[in-house]
Amino acid sequence: MSHAARGEQVHLVTQARRPMSEDIRYRQSRYLIMMGIRAVCFVIAILMYLAHLRWLLLVPAVGAIFIPYIAVIFANGGREPDNTRGFMEHRTNLPAKRDQASNKEN
């Protein structure tokens, strides 16, 4: 007898959250990418300063200053919710049953 025939709920494994190690790896890679962008902003700001483009150097300088704060907030934010409903019940996709009377007429 199958689970559905006994009236038990069947949960899909595909609705489970991703493993903690995968979540940590994702947050670490996102943090490192943001720190790489910050380093590029810092280098561009220095080059603009040396080229006497003082007003334009504010754009990459602001990025170099605020990106670390944003990166730390994202990295320490905890696990992101993958599925807000939790487990979903598995429902089989069976064809609809016909009435006996409609079968006799045909």
PDB file of N, CA and C in Angstrom:
ATOM      1  N   MET A   1       0.837  -1.172   0.000  1.00  0.00           N
ATOM      2  CA  MET A   1       0.000   0.000   0.000  1.00  0.00           C
ATOM      3  C   MET A   1       0.887   1.243   0.000  1.00  0.00           C
ATOM      4  N   SER A   2       0.552   2.216  -0.807  1.00  0.00           N
ATOM      5  CA  SER A   2       1.372   3.421  -0.883  1.00  0.00           C
ATOM      6  C   SER A   2       1.009   4.382   0.239  1.00  0.00           C
ATOM      7  N   HIS A   3       1.868   5.420   0.420  1.00  0.00           N
ATOM      8  CA  HIS A   3       1.623   6.418   1.462  1.00  0.00           C
ATOM      9  C   HIS A   3       0.327   7.174   1.210  1.00  0.00           C
ATOM     10  N   ALA A   4       0.064   7.510  -0.051  1.00  0.00           N
ATOM     11  CA  ALA A   4      -1.138   8.278  -0.378  1.00  0.00           C
ATOM     12  C   ALA A   4      -2.396   7.470  -0.102  1.00  0.00           C
ATOM     13  N   ALA A   5      -2.326   6.152  -0.308  1.00  0.00           N
ATOM     14  CA  ALA A   5      -3.500   5.313  -0.085  1.00  0.00           C
ATOM     15  C   ALA A   5      -3.827   5.219   1.406  1.00  0.00           C
ATOM     16  N   ARG A   6      -2.836   5.286   2.256  1.00  0.00           N
ATOM     17  CA  ARG A   6      -3.054   5.211   3.694  1.00  0.00           C
ATOM     18  C   ARG A   6      -3.423   6.566   4.293  1.00  0.00           C
ATOM     19  N   GLY A   7      -3.373   7.633   3.480  1.00  0.00           N
ATOM     20  CA  GLY A   7      -3.750   8.944   3.982  1.00  0.00           C
ATOM     21  C   GLY A   7      -2.611   9.689   4.662  1.00  0.00           C
ATOM     22  N   GLU A   8      -1.398   9.180   4.577  1.00  0.00           N
ATOM     23  CA  GLU A   8      -0.258   9.858   5.188  1.00  0.00           C
ATOM     24  C   GLU A   8       0.241  10.966   4.274  1.00  0.00           C
ATOM     25  N   GLN A   9       0.818  11.989   4.866  1.00  0.00           N
ATOM     26  CA  GLN A   9       1.404  13.063   4.072  1.00  0.00           C
ATOM     27  C   GLN A   9       2.789  12.627   3.603  1.00  0.00           C
ATOM     28  N   VAL A  10       3.089  12.938   2.361  1.00  0.00           N
ATOM     29  CA  VAL A  10       4.395  12.644   1.791  1.00  0.00           C
ATOM     30  C   VAL A  10       5.044  13.972   1.450  1.00  0.00           C
ATOM     31  N   HIS A  11       6.272  14.197   1.932  1.00  0.00           N
ATOM     32  CA  HIS A  11       6.968  15.460   1.709  1.00  0.00           C
ATOM     33  C   HIS A  11       8.039  15.278   0.638  1.00  0.00           C
ATOM     34  N   LEU A  12       8.167  16.293  -0.212  1.00  0.00           N
ATOM     35  CA  LEU A  12       9.185  16.259  -1.252  1.00  0.00           C
ATOM     36  C   LEU A  12      10.523  16.713  -0.686  1.00  0.00           C
ATOM     37  N   VAL A  13      11.576  15.974  -0.976  1.00  0.00           N
ATOM     38  CA  VAL A  13      12.903  16.336  -0.506  1.00  0.00           C
ATOM     39  C   VAL A  13      13.406  17.571  -1.246  1.00  0.00           C
ATOM     40  N   THR A  14      12.932  17.806  -2.453  1.00  0.00           N
ATOM     41  CA  THR A  14      13.405  18.951  -3.228  1.00  0.00           C
ATOM     42  C   THR A  14      13.002  20.276  -2.599  1.00  0.00           C
ATOM     43  N   GLN A  15      12.071  20.270  -1.665  1.00  0.00           N
ATOM     44  CA  GLN A  15      11.658  21.492  -0.996  1.00  0.00           C
ATOM     45  C   GLN A  15      12.502  21.786   0.247  1.00  0.00           C
ATOM     46  N   ALA A  16      13.448  20.908   0.558  1.00  0.00           N
ATOM     47  CA  ALA A  16      14.288  21.106   1.730  1.00  0.00           C
ATOM     48  C   ALA A  16      15.257  22.262   1.497  1.00  0.00           C
ATOM     49  N   ARG A  17      15.693  22.871   2.592  1.00  0.00           N
ATOM     50  CA  ARG A  17      16.653  23.968   2.488  1.00  0.00           C
ATOM     51  C   ARG A  17      17.991  23.433   2.015  1.00  0.00           C
ATOM     52  N   ARG A  18      18.790  24.309   1.411  1.00  0.00           N
ATOM     53  CA  ARG A  18      20.107  23.868   0.976  1.00  0.00           C
ATOM     54  C   ARG A  18      20.992  23.656   2.196  1.00  0.00           C
ATOM     55  N   PRO A  19      22.014  22.817   2.078  1.00  0.00           N
ATOM     56  CA  PRO A  19      22.871  22.503   3.225  1.00  0.00           C
ATOM     57  C   PRO A  19      23.589  23.745   3.750  1.00  0.00           C
ATOM     58  N   MET A  20      23.934  23.715   5.033  1.00  0.00           N
ATOM     59  CA  MET A  20      24.611  24.840   5.668  1.00  0.00           C
ATOM     60  C   MET A  20      25.953  25.126   5.006  1.00  0.00           C
ATOM     61  N   SER A  21      26.688  24.088   4.601  1.00  0.00           N
ATOM     62  CA  SER A  21      27.991  24.296   3.960  1.00  0.00           C
ATOM     63  C   SER A  21      27.832  25.036   2.631  1.00  0.00           C
ATOM     64  N   GLU A  22      26.787  24.723   1.880  1.00  0.00           N
ATOM     65  CA  GLU A  22      26.531  25.417   0.617  1.00  0.00           C
ATOM     66  C   GLU A  22      26.145  26.875   0.867  1.00  0.00           C
ATOM     67  N   ASP A  23      25.374  27.118   1.910  1.00  0.00           N
ATOM     68  CA  ASP A  23      24.977  28.475   2.251  1.00  0.00           C
ATOM     69  C   ASP A  23      26.184  29.308   2.670  1.00  0.00           C
ATOM     70  N   ILE A  24      27.068  28.744   3.469  1.00  0.00           N
ATOM     71  CA  ILE A  24      28.275  29.456   3.898  1.00  0.00           C
ATOM     72  C   ILE A  24      29.178  29.745   2.710  1.00  0.00           C
ATOM     73  N   ARG A  25      29.338  28.782   1.823  1.00  0.00           N
ATOM     74  CA  ARG A  25      30.169  28.983   0.627  1.00  0.00           C
ATOM     75  C   ARG A  25      29.597  30.103  -0.243  1.00  0.00           C
ATOM     76  N   TYR A  26      28.272  30.163  -0.376  1.00  0.00           N
ATOM     77  CA  TYR A  26      27.620  31.220  -1.161  1.00  0.00           C
ATOM     78  C   TYR A  26      27.875  32.592  -0.535  1.00  0.00           C
ATOM     79  N   ARG A  27      27.730  32.694   0.790  1.00  0.00           N
ATOM     80  CA  ARG A  27      27.952  33.981   1.454  1.00  0.00           C
ATOM     81  C   ARG A  27      29.412  34.394   1.397  1.00  0.00           C
ATOM     82  N   GLN A  28      30.340  33.443   1.509  1.00  0.00           N
ATOM     83  CA  GLN A  28      31.761  33.769   1.407  1.00  0.00           C
ATOM     84  C   GLN A  28      32.122  34.261   0.013  1.00  0.00           C
ATOM     85  N   SER A  29      31.609  33.602  -1.008  1.00  0.00           N
ATOM     86  CA  SER A  29      31.934  34.031  -2.369  1.00  0.00           C
ATOM     87  C   SER A  29      31.335  35.405  -2.664  1.00  0.00           C
ATOM     88  N   ARG A  30      30.133  35.674  -2.179  1.00  0.00           N
ATOM     89  CA  ARG A  30      29.527  36.994  -2.371  1.00  0.00           C
ATOM     90  C   ARG A  30      30.340  38.069  -1.653  1.00  0.00           C
ATOM     91  N   TYR A  31      30.835  37.766  -0.460  1.00  0.00           N
ATOM     92  CA  TYR A  31      31.666  38.706   0.294  1.00  0.00           C
ATOM     93  C   TYR A  31      32.976  38.991  -0.454  1.00  0.00           C
ATOM     94  N   LEU A  32      33.616  37.942  -0.955  1.00  0.00           N
ATOM     95  CA  LEU A  32      34.882  38.128  -1.666  1.00  0.00           C
ATOM     96  C   LEU A  32      34.698  38.921  -2.957  1.00  0.00           C
ATOM     97  N   ILE A  33      33.606  38.709  -3.650  1.00  0.00           N
ATOM     98  CA  ILE A  33      33.335  39.489  -4.865  1.00  0.00           C
ATOM     99  C   ILE A  33      33.164  40.969  -4.512  1.00  0.00           C
ATOM    100  N   MET A  34      32.424  41.237  -3.443  1.00  0.00           N
ATOM    101  CA  MET A  34      32.226  42.636  -3.040  1.00  0.00           C
ATOM    102  C   MET A  34      33.532  43.278  -2.594  1.00  0.00           C
ATOM    103  N   MET A  35      34.401  42.524  -1.933  1.00  0.00           N
ATOM    104  CA  MET A  35      35.697  43.079  -1.528  1.00  0.00           C
ATOM    105  C   MET A  35      36.597  43.314  -2.738  1.00  0.00           C
ATOM    106  N   GLY A  36      36.460  42.484  -3.765  1.00  0.00           N
ATOM    107  CA  GLY A  36      37.198  42.711  -5.010  1.00  0.00           C
ATOM    108  C   GLY A  36      36.743  43.998  -5.693  1.00  0.00           C
ATOM    109  N   ILE A  37      35.431  44.229  -5.704  1.00  0.00           N
ATOM    110  CA  ILE A  37      34.901  45.472  -6.272  1.00  0.00           C
ATOM    111  C   ILE A  37      35.392  46.662  -5.463  1.00  0.00           C
ATOM    112  N   ARG A  38      35.464  46.505  -4.149  1.00  0.00           N
ATOM    113  CA  ARG A  38      35.966  47.587  -3.295  1.00  0.00           C
ATOM    114  C   ARG A  38      37.426  47.899  -3.611  1.00  0.00           C
ATOM    115  N   ALA A  39      38.240  46.860  -3.817  1.00  0.00           N
ATOM    116  CA  ALA A  39      39.650  47.088  -4.140  1.00  0.00           C
ATOM    117  C   ALA A  39      39.791  47.829  -5.469  1.00  0.00           C
ATOM    118  N   VAL A  40      38.961  47.464  -6.447  1.00  0.00           N
ATOM    119  CA  VAL A  40      38.994  48.152  -7.744  1.00  0.00           C
ATOM    120  C   VAL A  40      38.582  49.615  -7.570  1.00  0.00           C
ATOM    121  N   CYS A  41      37.557  49.876  -6.775  1.00  0.00           N
ATOM    122  CA  CYS A  41      37.140  51.266  -6.504  1.00  0.00           C
ATOM    123  C   CYS A  41      38.262  52.055  -5.851  1.00  0.00           C
ATOM    124  N   PHE A  42      38.974  51.439  -4.920  1.00  0.00           N
ATOM    125  CA  PHE A  42      40.077  52.101  -4.227  1.00  0.00           C
ATOM    126  C   PHE A  42      41.210  52.454  -5.197  1.00  0.00           C
ATOM    127  N   VAL A  43      41.556  51.517  -6.061  1.00  0.00           N
ATOM    128  CA  VAL A  43      42.626  51.769  -7.044  1.00  0.00           C
ATOM    129  C   VAL A  43      42.207  52.866  -8.014  1.00  0.00           C
ATOM    130  N   ILE A  44      40.964  52.839  -8.467  1.00  0.00           N
ATOM    131  CA  ILE A  44      40.474  53.877  -9.382  1.00  0.00           C
ATOM    132  C   ILE A  44      40.503  55.241  -8.689  1.00  0.00           C
ATOM    133  N   ALA A  45      40.143  55.297  -7.421  1.00  0.00           N
ATOM    134  CA  ALA A  45      40.169  56.556  -6.673  1.00  0.00           C
ATOM    135  C   ALA A  45      41.591  57.097  -6.578  1.00  0.00           C
ATOM    136  N   ILE A  46      42.556  56.229  -6.330  1.00  0.00           N
ATOM    137  CA  ILE A  46      43.957  56.673  -6.263  1.00  0.00           C
ATOM    138  C   ILE A  46      44.413  57.190  -7.621  1.00  0.00           C
ATOM    139  N   LEU A  47      44.087  56.469  -8.696  1.00  0.00           N
ATOM    140  CA  LEU A  47      44.492  56.912 -10.033  1.00  0.00           C
ATOM    141  C   LEU A  47      43.840  58.250 -10.398  1.00  0.00           C
ATOM    142  N   MET A  48      42.613  58.440 -10.024  1.00  0.00           N
ATOM    143  CA  MET A  48      41.932  59.710 -10.298  1.00  0.00           C
ATOM    144  C   MET A  48      42.551  60.850  -9.478  1.00  0.00           C
ATOM    145  N   TYR A  49      42.975  60.554  -8.270  1.00  0.00           N
ATOM    146  CA  TYR A  49      43.632  61.563  -7.445  1.00  0.00           C
ATOM    147  C   TYR A  49      44.958  61.983  -8.081  1.00  0.00           C
ATOM    148  N   LEU A  50      45.706  60.987  -8.572  1.00  0.00           N
ATOM    149  CA  LEU A  50      46.995  61.293  -9.212  1.00  0.00           C
ATOM    150  C   LEU A  50      46.812  62.040 -10.529  1.00  0.00           C
ATOM    151  N   ALA A  51      45.657  61.856 -11.183  1.00  0.00           N
ATOM    152  CA  ALA A  51      45.376  62.533 -12.448  1.00  0.00           C
ATOM    153  C   ALA A  51      44.677  63.875 -12.220  1.00  0.00           C
ATOM    154  N   HIS A  52      44.582  64.299 -10.957  1.00  0.00           N
ATOM    155  CA  HIS A  52      43.977  65.576 -10.575  1.00  0.00           C
ATOM    156  C   HIS A  52      42.500  65.674 -10.965  1.00  0.00           C
ATOM    157  N   LEU A  53      41.798  64.572 -10.884  1.00  0.00           N
ATOM    158  CA  LEU A  53      40.344  64.544 -11.102  1.00  0.00           C
ATOM    159  C   LEU A  53      39.666  64.436  -9.735  1.00  0.00           C
ATOM    160  N   ARG A  54      39.861  65.477  -8.935  1.00  0.00           N
ATOM    161  CA  ARG A  54      39.465  65.422  -7.526  1.00  0.00           C
ATOM    162  C   ARG A  54      37.963  65.233  -7.327  1.00  0.00           C
ATOM    163  N   TRP A  55      37.112  65.904  -8.087  1.00  0.00           N
ATOM    164  CA  TRP A  55      35.670  65.784  -7.889  1.00  0.00           C
ATOM    165  C   TRP A  55      35.155  64.429  -8.351  1.00  0.00           C
ATOM    166  N   LEU A  56      35.742  63.900  -9.396  1.00  0.00           N
ATOM    167  CA  LEU A  56      35.293  62.590  -9.882  1.00  0.00           C
ATOM    168  C   LEU A  56      35.747  61.446  -8.977  1.00  0.00           C
ATOM    169  N   LEU A  57      36.797  61.664  -8.205  1.00  0.00           N
ATOM    170  CA  LEU A  57      37.290  60.586  -7.352  1.00  0.00           C
ATOM    171  C   LEU A  57      36.339  60.299  -6.204  1.00  0.00           C
ATOM    172  N   LEU A  58      35.347  61.160  -5.967  1.00  0.00           N
ATOM    173  CA  LEU A  58      34.376  60.912  -4.900  1.00  0.00           C
ATOM    174  C   LEU A  58      33.520  59.682  -5.172  1.00  0.00           C
ATOM    175  N   VAL A  59      33.224  59.414  -6.436  1.00  0.00           N
ATOM    176  CA  VAL A  59      32.362  58.265  -6.765  1.00  0.00           C
ATOM    177  C   VAL A  59      33.020  56.946  -6.361  1.00  0.00           C
ATOM    178  N   PRO A  60      34.237  56.647  -6.841  1.00  0.00           N
ATOM    179  CA  PRO A  60      34.836  55.369  -6.398  1.00  0.00           C
ATOM    180  C   PRO A  60      35.244  55.394  -4.926  1.00  0.00           C
ATOM    181  N   ALA A  61      35.544  56.569  -4.376  1.00  0.00           N
ATOM    182  CA  ALA A  61      35.912  56.645  -2.961  1.00  0.00           C
ATOM    183  C   ALA A  61      34.718  56.296  -2.077  1.00  0.00           C
ATOM    184  N   VAL A  62      33.540  56.790  -2.433  1.00  0.00           N
ATOM    185  CA  VAL A  62      32.337  56.447  -1.666  1.00  0.00           C
ATOM    186  C   VAL A  62      32.069  54.943  -1.756  1.00  0.00           C
ATOM    187  N   GLY A  63      32.277  54.375  -2.945  1.00  0.00           N
ATOM    188  CA  GLY A  63      32.123  52.919  -3.085  1.00  0.00           C
ATOM    189  C   GLY A  63      33.114  52.166  -2.226  1.00  0.00           C
ATOM    190  N   ALA A  64      34.372  52.624  -2.193  1.00  0.00           N
ATOM    191  CA  ALA A  64      35.401  51.955  -1.394  1.00  0.00           C
ATOM    192  C   ALA A  64      35.119  52.070   0.100  1.00  0.00           C
ATOM    193  N   ILE A  65      34.427  53.122   0.494  1.00  0.00           N
ATOM    194  CA  ILE A  65      34.128  53.321   1.915  1.00  0.00           C
ATOM    195  C   ILE A  65      32.911  52.509   2.357  1.00  0.00           C
ATOM    196  N   PHE A  66      31.844  52.473   1.554  1.00  0.00           N
ATOM    197  CA  PHE A  66      30.595  51.858   1.997  1.00  0.00           C
ATOM    198  C   PHE A  66      30.418  50.394   1.599  1.00  0.00           C
ATOM    199  N   ILE A  67      31.136  49.913   0.620  1.00  0.00           N
ATOM    200  CA  ILE A  67      30.997  48.502   0.217  1.00  0.00           C
ATOM    201  C   ILE A  67      31.367  47.530   1.343  1.00  0.00           C
ATOM    202  N   PRO A  68      32.424  47.782   2.142  1.00  0.00           N
ATOM    203  CA  PRO A  68      32.707  46.826   3.232  1.00  0.00           C
ATOM    204  C   PRO A  68      31.554  46.688   4.226  1.00  0.00           C
ATOM    205  N   TYR A  69      30.899  47.789   4.543  1.00  0.00           N
ATOM    206  CA  TYR A  69      29.767  47.733   5.472  1.00  0.00           C
ATOM    207  C   TYR A  69      28.645  46.866   4.892  1.00  0.00           C
ATOM    208  N   ILE A  70      28.329  47.086   3.636  1.00  0.00           N
ATOM    209  CA  ILE A  70      27.260  46.317   2.983  1.00  0.00           C
ATOM    210  C   ILE A  70      27.643  44.842   2.876  1.00  0.00           C
ATOM    211  N   ALA A  71      28.907  44.565   2.565  1.00  0.00           N
ATOM    212  CA  ALA A  71      29.374  43.181   2.435  1.00  0.00           C
ATOM    213  C   ALA A  71      29.282  42.434   3.759  1.00  0.00           C
ATOM    214  N   VAL A  72      29.624  43.098   4.854  1.00  0.00           N
ATOM    215  CA  VAL A  72      29.557  42.451   6.167  1.00  0.00           C
ATOM    216  C   VAL A  72      28.107  42.191   6.562  1.00  0.00           C
ATOM    217  N   ILE A  73      27.224  43.133   6.259  1.00  0.00           N
ATOM    218  CA  ILE A  73      25.804  42.933   6.569  1.00  0.00           C
ATOM    219  C   ILE A  73      25.265  41.714   5.810  1.00  0.00           C
ATOM    220  N   PHE A  74      25.594  41.598   4.528  1.00  0.00           N
ATOM    221  CA  PHE A  74      25.129  40.450   3.748  1.00  0.00           C
ATOM    222  C   PHE A  74      25.756  39.142   4.226  1.00  0.00           C
ATOM    223  N   ALA A  75      27.042  39.175   4.578  1.00  0.00           N
ATOM    224  CA  ALA A  75      27.731  37.947   4.987  1.00  0.00           C
ATOM    225  C   ALA A  75      27.226  37.432   6.330  1.00  0.00           C
ATOM    226  N   ASN A  76      26.863  38.336   7.231  1.00  0.00           N
ATOM    227  CA  ASN A  76      26.417  37.925   8.564  1.00  0.00           C
ATOM    228  C   ASN A  76      24.904  37.885   8.692  1.00  0.00           C
ATOM    229  N   GLY A  77      24.209  38.036   7.600  1.00  0.00           N
ATOM    230  CA  GLY A  77      22.750  38.096   7.644  1.00  0.00           C
ATOM    231  C   GLY A  77      22.085  36.781   7.976  1.00  0.00           C
ATOM    232  N   GLY A  78      22.802  35.691   7.955  1.00  0.00           N
ATOM    233  CA  GLY A  78      22.201  34.392   8.250  1.00  0.00           C
ATOM    234  C   GLY A  78      21.667  33.730   6.999  1.00  0.00           C
ATOM    235  N   ARG A  79      21.022  32.625   7.208  1.00  0.00           N
ATOM    236  CA  ARG A  79      20.496  31.854   6.082  1.00  0.00           C
ATOM    237  C   ARG A  79      19.328  32.574   5.456  1.00  0.00           C
ATOM    238  N   GLU A  80      19.294  32.509   4.139  1.00  0.00           N
ATOM    239  CA  GLU A  80      18.190  33.111   3.410  1.00  0.00           C
ATOM    240  C   GLU A  80      17.069  32.092   3.284  1.00  0.00           C
ATOM    241  N   PRO A  81      15.829  32.517   3.447  1.00  0.00           N
ATOM    242  CA  PRO A  81      14.727  31.556   3.322  1.00  0.00           C
ATOM    243  C   PRO A  81      14.558  31.115   1.872  1.00  0.00           C
ATOM    244  N   ASP A  82      14.644  29.819   1.651  1.00  0.00           N
ATOM    245  CA  ASP A  82      14.468  29.266   0.306  1.00  0.00           C
ATOM    246  C   ASP A  82      12.999  28.997   0.019  1.00  0.00           C
ATOM    247  N   ASN A  83      12.309  28.540   1.032  1.00  0.00           N
ATOM    248  CA  ASN A  83      10.911  28.161   0.847  1.00  0.00           C
ATOM    249  C   ASN A  83      10.157  28.595   2.105  1.00  0.00           C
ATOM    250  N   THR A  84       9.283  29.552   1.977  1.00  0.00           N
ATOM    251  CA  THR A  84       8.590  30.075   3.142  1.00  0.00           C
ATOM    252  C   THR A  84       7.486  29.150   3.629  1.00  0.00           C
ATOM    253  N   ARG A  85       7.005  28.247   2.784  1.00  0.00           N
ATOM    254  CA  ARG A  85       5.918  27.348   3.162  1.00  0.00           C
ATOM    255  C   ARG A  85       6.405  26.092   3.864  1.00  0.00           C
ATOM    256  N   GLY A  86       7.675  25.835   3.904  1.00  0.00           N
ATOM    257  CA  GLY A  86       8.162  24.591   4.488  1.00  0.00           C
ATOM    258  C   GLY A  86       8.013  23.455   3.489  1.00  0.00           C
ATOM    259  N   PHE A  87       7.753  22.278   3.990  1.00  0.00           N
ATOM    260  CA  PHE A  87       7.588  21.130   3.111  1.00  0.00           C
ATOM    261  C   PHE A  87       6.240  21.190   2.406  1.00  0.00           C
ATOM    262  N   MET A  88       6.235  20.740   1.164  1.00  0.00           N
ATOM    263  CA  MET A  88       4.988  20.674   0.413  1.00  0.00           C
ATOM    264  C   MET A  88       4.528  19.220   0.355  1.00  0.00           C
ATOM    265  N   GLU A  89       3.256  19.018   0.484  1.00  0.00           N
ATOM    266  CA  GLU A  89       2.697  17.679   0.407  1.00  0.00           C
ATOM    267  C   GLU A  89       2.725  17.216  -1.047  1.00  0.00           C
ATOM    268  N   HIS A  90       3.116  15.972  -1.255  1.00  0.00           N
ATOM    269  CA  HIS A  90       3.159  15.408  -2.606  1.00  0.00           C
ATOM    270  C   HIS A  90       1.761  14.945  -2.991  1.00  0.00           C
ATOM    271  N   ARG A  91       1.292  15.427  -4.111  1.00  0.00           N
ATOM    272  CA  ARG A  91      -0.020  15.014  -4.616  1.00  0.00           C
ATOM    273  C   ARG A  91       0.196  14.316  -5.948  1.00  0.00           C
ATOM    274  N   THR A  92      -0.275  13.103  -6.046  1.00  0.00           N
ATOM    275  CA  THR A  92      -0.120  12.373  -7.295  1.00  0.00           C
ATOM    276  C   THR A  92      -1.014  12.985  -8.354  1.00  0.00           C
ATOM    277  N   ASN A  93      -0.610  12.885  -9.578  1.00  0.00           N
ATOM    278  CA  ASN A  93      -1.320  13.490 -10.698  1.00  0.00           C
ATOM    279  C   ASN A  93      -2.033  12.379 -11.477  1.00  0.00           C
ATOM    280  N   LEU A  94      -3.099  11.842 -10.895  1.00  0.00           N
ATOM    281  CA  LEU A  94      -3.831  10.744 -11.514  1.00  0.00           C
ATOM    282  C   LEU A  94      -4.972  11.288 -12.366  1.00  0.00           C
ATOM    283  N   PRO A  95      -5.339  10.565 -13.418  1.00  0.00           N
ATOM    284  CA  PRO A  95      -6.486  11.022 -14.219  1.00  0.00           C
ATOM    285  C   PRO A  95      -7.777  10.923 -13.406  1.00  0.00           C
ATOM    286  N   ALA A  96      -8.728  11.776 -13.749  1.00  0.00           N
ATOM    287  CA  ALA A  96     -10.010  11.800 -13.034  1.00  0.00           C
ATOM    288  C   ALA A  96     -10.786  10.513 -13.314  1.00  0.00           C
ATOM    289  N   LYS A  97     -11.523  10.039 -12.319  1.00  0.00           N
ATOM    290  CA  LYS A  97     -12.319   8.827 -12.473  1.00  0.00           C
ATOM    291  C   LYS A  97     -13.602   9.161 -13.231  1.00  0.00           C
ATOM    292  N   ARG A  98     -13.976   8.283 -14.143  1.00  0.00           N
ATOM    293  CA  ARG A  98     -15.221   8.473 -14.895  1.00  0.00           C
ATOM    294  C   ARG A  98     -16.364   7.801 -14.165  1.00  0.00           C
ATOM    295  N   ASP A  99     -17.528   8.340 -14.365  1.00  0.00           N
ATOM    296  CA  ASP A  99     -18.730   7.713 -13.804  1.00  0.00           C
ATOM    297  C   ASP A  99     -19.035   6.437 -14.591  1.00  0.00           C
ATOM    298  N   GLN A 100     -19.572   5.454 -13.909  1.00  0.00           N
ATOM    299  CA  GLN A 100     -19.949   4.199 -14.578  1.00  0.00           C
ATOM    300  C   GLN A 100     -21.043   4.451 -15.607  1.00  0.00           C
ATOM    301  N   ALA A 101     -21.946   5.390 -15.328  1.00  0.00           N
ATOM    302  CA  ALA A 101     -23.057   5.657 -16.245  1.00  0.00           C
ATOM    303  C   ALA A 101     -22.554   6.252 -17.552  1.00  0.00           C
ATOM    304  N   SER A 102     -21.566   7.114 -17.517  1.00  0.00           N
ATOM    305  CA  SER A 102     -21.048   7.719 -18.737  1.00  0.00           C
ATOM    306  C   SER A 102     -20.289   6.685 -19.575  1.00  0.00           C
ATOM    307  N   ASN A 103     -19.703   5.685 -18.928  1.00  0.00           N
ATOM    308  CA  ASN A 103     -19.017   4.633 -19.669  1.00  0.00           C
ATOM    309  C   ASN A 103     -20.001   3.736 -20.407  1.00  0.00           C
ATOM    310  N   LYS A 104     -21.164   3.470 -19.822  1.00  0.00           N
ATOM    311  CA  LYS A 104     -22.156   2.593 -20.463  1.00  0.00           C
ATOM    312  C   LYS A 104     -22.831   3.257 -21.639  1.00  0.00           C
ATOM    313  N   GLU A 105     -22.933   4.593 -21.586  1.00  0.00           N
ATOM    314  CA  GLU A 105     -23.576   5.316 -22.696  1.00  0.00           C
ATOM    315  C   GLU A 105     -22.701   5.313 -23.937  1.00  0.00           C
ATOM    316  N   ASN A 106     -21.424   5.282 -23.778  1.00  0.00           N
ATOM    317  CA  ASN A 106     -20.512   5.337 -24.944  1.00  0.00           C
ATOM    318  C   ASN A 106     -20.332   4.020 -25.597  1.00  0.00           C
TER     319      ASN A 106
END
